[in-house]
Amino acid sequence: IDGKMLSSEEFADQIQRLGVGGTSHIQFVIGGSIGLDEEILKKADYRLSFSKMTFPHQLMRVILLEQIYRGYRIIANEPYHK
């Protein structure tokens, strides 16, 4: 709920920075409509928000996957749909 909103290019930059910095695994936790428990939030290295709107969990998984794909296309300087 309180995560940072990024453009697709900024999201790609974030992924690339993690990789260059030696991070080989990225894990995403999708919160519910009321957010995540404070214990989970304390363990987070980064808080990302895709929108101020609420999406069904199944749809958010597809949106996240598409943005990860798009991010890697941007990193590789390959075309992607805008």
N, C-alpha and C. Protein backbone atom coordinates (compact mmCIF):
# COMPACT_ATOMS: atom_id res chain seq x y z
N ILE A 1 0.83 -1.19 0.00
CA ILE A 1 0.00 0.00 0.00
C ILE A 1 0.87 1.25 0.00
N ASP A 2 1.96 1.23 0.76
CA ASP A 2 2.84 2.39 0.85
C ASP A 2 4.09 2.25 -0.01
N GLY A 3 4.06 1.35 -0.98
CA GLY A 3 5.23 1.14 -1.82
C GLY A 3 5.44 2.26 -2.82
N LYS A 4 6.60 2.25 -3.43
CA LYS A 4 6.95 3.26 -4.42
C LYS A 4 6.44 2.83 -5.80
N MET A 5 5.85 3.77 -6.52
CA MET A 5 5.39 3.50 -7.88
C MET A 5 6.51 3.86 -8.85
N LEU A 6 6.77 2.96 -9.80
CA LEU A 6 7.83 3.14 -10.78
C LEU A 6 7.27 3.04 -12.19
N SER A 7 7.93 3.69 -13.13
CA SER A 7 7.62 3.46 -14.54
C SER A 7 8.24 2.12 -14.93
N SER A 8 7.90 1.61 -16.10
CA SER A 8 8.49 0.36 -16.57
C SER A 8 10.01 0.50 -16.71
N GLU A 9 10.47 1.65 -17.16
CA GLU A 9 11.90 1.89 -17.31
C GLU A 9 12.60 1.92 -15.95
N GLU A 10 11.97 2.55 -14.97
CA GLU A 10 12.53 2.59 -13.62
C GLU A 10 12.56 1.21 -12.99
N PHE A 11 11.52 0.43 -13.24
CA PHE A 11 11.46 -0.95 -12.75
C PHE A 11 12.59 -1.77 -13.36
N ALA A 12 12.82 -1.61 -14.67
CA ALA A 12 13.93 -2.30 -15.34
C ALA A 12 15.26 -1.88 -14.74
N ASP A 13 15.44 -0.59 -14.48
CA ASP A 13 16.67 -0.10 -13.86
C ASP A 13 16.89 -0.73 -12.49
N GLN A 14 15.82 -0.86 -11.74
CA GLN A 14 15.91 -1.47 -10.41
C GLN A 14 16.35 -2.93 -10.53
N ILE A 15 15.76 -3.67 -11.45
CA ILE A 15 16.14 -5.07 -11.67
C ILE A 15 17.61 -5.15 -12.08
N GLN A 16 18.01 -4.28 -12.99
CA GLN A 16 19.39 -4.30 -13.48
C GLN A 16 20.37 -3.96 -12.35
N ARG A 17 20.05 -2.97 -11.53
CA ARG A 17 20.92 -2.60 -10.40
C ARG A 17 21.11 -3.79 -9.44
N LEU A 18 20.03 -4.50 -9.18
CA LEU A 18 20.13 -5.67 -8.30
C LEU A 18 21.06 -6.72 -8.90
N GLY A 19 20.90 -6.99 -10.20
CA GLY A 19 21.74 -7.97 -10.87
C GLY A 19 23.20 -7.57 -10.88
N VAL A 20 23.47 -6.33 -11.21
CA VAL A 20 24.85 -5.83 -11.24
C VAL A 20 25.44 -5.85 -9.83
N GLY A 21 24.61 -5.65 -8.85
CA GLY A 21 25.06 -5.65 -7.46
C GLY A 21 25.25 -7.04 -6.88
N GLY A 22 24.97 -8.07 -7.67
CA GLY A 22 25.21 -9.44 -7.22
C GLY A 22 23.98 -10.19 -6.72
N THR A 23 22.82 -9.59 -6.81
CA THR A 23 21.60 -10.28 -6.39
C THR A 23 21.17 -11.24 -7.50
N SER A 24 21.13 -12.53 -7.18
CA SER A 24 20.78 -13.52 -8.20
C SER A 24 19.33 -13.99 -8.11
N HIS A 25 18.65 -13.66 -7.03
CA HIS A 25 17.25 -14.04 -6.86
C HIS A 25 16.45 -12.83 -6.37
N ILE A 26 15.30 -12.63 -6.97
CA ILE A 26 14.37 -11.58 -6.53
C ILE A 26 13.07 -12.27 -6.18
N GLN A 27 12.54 -11.98 -5.01
CA GLN A 27 11.27 -12.56 -4.60
C GLN A 27 10.25 -11.44 -4.43
N PHE A 28 9.05 -11.67 -4.94
CA PHE A 28 7.97 -10.71 -4.82
C PHE A 28 6.89 -11.32 -3.93
N VAL A 29 6.34 -10.50 -3.06
CA VAL A 29 5.20 -10.90 -2.22
C VAL A 29 4.07 -9.96 -2.56
N ILE A 30 2.96 -10.52 -2.99
CA ILE A 30 1.79 -9.71 -3.37
C ILE A 30 0.87 -9.63 -2.16
N GLY A 31 0.62 -8.42 -1.72
CA GLY A 31 -0.24 -8.21 -0.56
C GLY A 31 -1.71 -8.22 -0.92
N GLY A 32 -2.51 -8.36 0.08
CA GLY A 32 -3.96 -8.32 -0.10
C GLY A 32 -4.47 -6.89 -0.15
N SER A 33 -5.76 -6.74 -0.18
CA SER A 33 -6.37 -5.42 -0.32
C SER A 33 -6.10 -4.52 0.89
N ILE A 34 -5.75 -5.10 2.02
CA ILE A 34 -5.42 -4.29 3.20
C ILE A 34 -3.92 -4.26 3.47
N GLY A 35 -3.14 -4.76 2.52
CA GLY A 35 -1.69 -4.72 2.67
C GLY A 35 -1.13 -6.00 3.25
N LEU A 36 0.06 -5.88 3.84
CA LEU A 36 0.76 -7.03 4.41
C LEU A 36 0.98 -6.82 5.91
N ASP A 37 1.16 -7.92 6.60
CA ASP A 37 1.46 -7.88 8.02
C ASP A 37 2.78 -7.14 8.25
N GLU A 38 2.87 -6.43 9.34
CA GLU A 38 4.06 -5.63 9.65
C GLU A 38 5.32 -6.49 9.73
N GLU A 39 5.21 -7.73 10.19
CA GLU A 39 6.37 -8.63 10.26
C GLU A 39 6.94 -8.91 8.87
N ILE A 40 6.10 -9.05 7.89
CA ILE A 40 6.55 -9.27 6.52
C ILE A 40 7.17 -7.98 5.98
N LEU A 41 6.55 -6.86 6.25
CA LEU A 41 7.07 -5.58 5.76
C LEU A 41 8.45 -5.28 6.34
N LYS A 42 8.70 -5.68 7.58
CA LYS A 42 10.00 -5.45 8.20
C LYS A 42 11.11 -6.20 7.48
N LYS A 43 10.78 -7.32 6.87
CA LYS A 43 11.77 -8.15 6.18
C LYS A 43 12.01 -7.70 4.74
N ALA A 44 11.19 -6.80 4.23
CA ALA A 44 11.28 -6.38 2.83
C ALA A 44 12.48 -5.47 2.61
N ASP A 45 13.19 -5.68 1.52
CA ASP A 45 14.28 -4.78 1.12
C ASP A 45 13.74 -3.60 0.33
N TYR A 46 12.57 -3.78 -0.28
CA TYR A 46 12.00 -2.74 -1.14
C TYR A 46 10.49 -2.92 -1.16
N ARG A 47 9.78 -1.82 -1.17
CA ARG A 47 8.31 -1.85 -1.26
C ARG A 47 7.89 -1.21 -2.57
N LEU A 48 7.22 -2.00 -3.40
CA LEU A 48 6.80 -1.58 -4.73
C LEU A 48 5.28 -1.54 -4.79
N SER A 49 4.75 -0.51 -5.41
CA SER A 49 3.31 -0.40 -5.63
C SER A 49 3.06 -0.25 -7.12
N PHE A 50 2.11 -1.00 -7.64
CA PHE A 50 1.77 -0.90 -9.05
C PHE A 50 0.67 0.11 -9.31
N SER A 51 -0.12 0.40 -8.29
CA SER A 51 -1.24 1.32 -8.47
C SER A 51 -1.88 1.61 -7.13
N LYS A 52 -2.63 2.69 -7.06
CA LYS A 52 -3.42 2.96 -5.87
C LYS A 52 -4.72 2.16 -5.89
N MET A 53 -5.00 1.57 -7.06
CA MET A 53 -6.21 0.75 -7.19
C MET A 53 -5.96 -0.64 -6.63
N THR A 54 -7.04 -1.36 -6.33
CA THR A 54 -6.97 -2.73 -5.85
C THR A 54 -7.27 -3.69 -7.00
N PHE A 55 -6.44 -4.73 -7.13
CA PHE A 55 -6.61 -5.73 -8.18
C PHE A 55 -6.80 -7.11 -7.54
N PRO A 56 -7.53 -8.00 -8.21
CA PRO A 56 -7.62 -9.38 -7.72
C PRO A 56 -6.23 -10.02 -7.75
N HIS A 57 -5.97 -10.91 -6.82
CA HIS A 57 -4.66 -11.56 -6.70
C HIS A 57 -4.22 -12.20 -8.02
N GLN A 58 -5.13 -12.92 -8.67
CA GLN A 58 -4.78 -13.62 -9.91
C GLN A 58 -4.37 -12.64 -10.99
N LEU A 59 -5.05 -11.51 -11.10
CA LEU A 59 -4.71 -10.50 -12.09
C LEU A 59 -3.38 -9.84 -11.76
N MET A 60 -3.13 -9.59 -10.48
CA MET A 60 -1.87 -8.96 -10.08
C MET A 60 -0.68 -9.84 -10.42
N ARG A 61 -0.84 -11.14 -10.31
CA ARG A 61 0.24 -12.05 -10.68
C ARG A 61 0.57 -11.91 -12.16
N VAL A 62 -0.44 -11.77 -13.01
CA VAL A 62 -0.21 -11.60 -14.45
C VAL A 62 0.43 -10.24 -14.72
N ILE A 63 -0.03 -9.19 -14.05
CA ILE A 63 0.54 -7.85 -14.23
C ILE A 63 2.01 -7.86 -13.82
N LEU A 64 2.33 -8.47 -12.68
CA LEU A 64 3.71 -8.55 -12.22
C LEU A 64 4.58 -9.31 -13.21
N LEU A 65 4.10 -10.45 -13.68
CA LEU A 65 4.86 -11.24 -14.64
C LEU A 65 5.13 -10.45 -15.92
N GLU A 66 4.11 -9.73 -16.39
CA GLU A 66 4.28 -8.94 -17.61
C GLU A 66 5.30 -7.83 -17.39
N GLN A 67 5.31 -7.21 -16.25
CA GLN A 67 6.26 -6.14 -15.98
C GLN A 67 7.68 -6.67 -15.83
N ILE A 68 7.84 -7.86 -15.27
CA ILE A 68 9.16 -8.48 -15.20
C ILE A 68 9.66 -8.77 -16.61
N TYR A 69 8.80 -9.35 -17.45
CA TYR A 69 9.15 -9.61 -18.84
C TYR A 69 9.53 -8.31 -19.56
N ARG A 70 8.71 -7.31 -19.41
CA ARG A 70 8.96 -6.00 -20.03
C ARG A 70 10.27 -5.41 -19.53
N GLY A 71 10.54 -5.55 -18.23
CA GLY A 71 11.78 -5.04 -17.66
C GLY A 71 13.00 -5.66 -18.30
N TYR A 72 12.97 -6.98 -18.49
CA TYR A 72 14.11 -7.65 -19.11
C TYR A 72 14.23 -7.30 -20.60
N ARG A 73 13.13 -7.03 -21.26
CA ARG A 73 13.18 -6.56 -22.66
C ARG A 73 13.83 -5.18 -22.72
N ILE A 74 13.48 -4.31 -21.79
CA ILE A 74 14.08 -2.97 -21.73
C ILE A 74 15.57 -3.08 -21.45
N ILE A 75 15.97 -3.92 -20.51
CA ILE A 75 17.38 -4.10 -20.17
C ILE A 75 18.17 -4.56 -21.39
N ALA A 76 17.57 -5.44 -22.19
CA ALA A 76 18.24 -6.00 -23.38
C ALA A 76 18.12 -5.08 -24.59
N ASN A 77 17.54 -3.90 -24.40
CA ASN A 77 17.30 -2.95 -25.51
C ASN A 77 16.50 -3.57 -26.65
N GLU A 78 15.55 -4.43 -26.29
CA GLU A 78 14.66 -5.05 -27.26
C GLU A 78 13.33 -4.30 -27.27
N PRO A 79 12.62 -4.35 -28.39
CA PRO A 79 11.34 -3.64 -28.45
C PRO A 79 10.30 -4.28 -27.53
N TYR A 80 9.40 -3.46 -27.04
CA TYR A 80 8.29 -3.93 -26.24
C TYR A 80 7.10 -3.02 -26.51
N HIS A 81 5.92 -3.55 -26.29
CA HIS A 81 4.71 -2.78 -26.56
C HIS A 81 4.54 -1.65 -25.56
N LYS A 82 4.23 -0.45 -26.08
CA LYS A 82 3.95 0.69 -25.20
C LYS A 82 2.51 1.05 -25.28
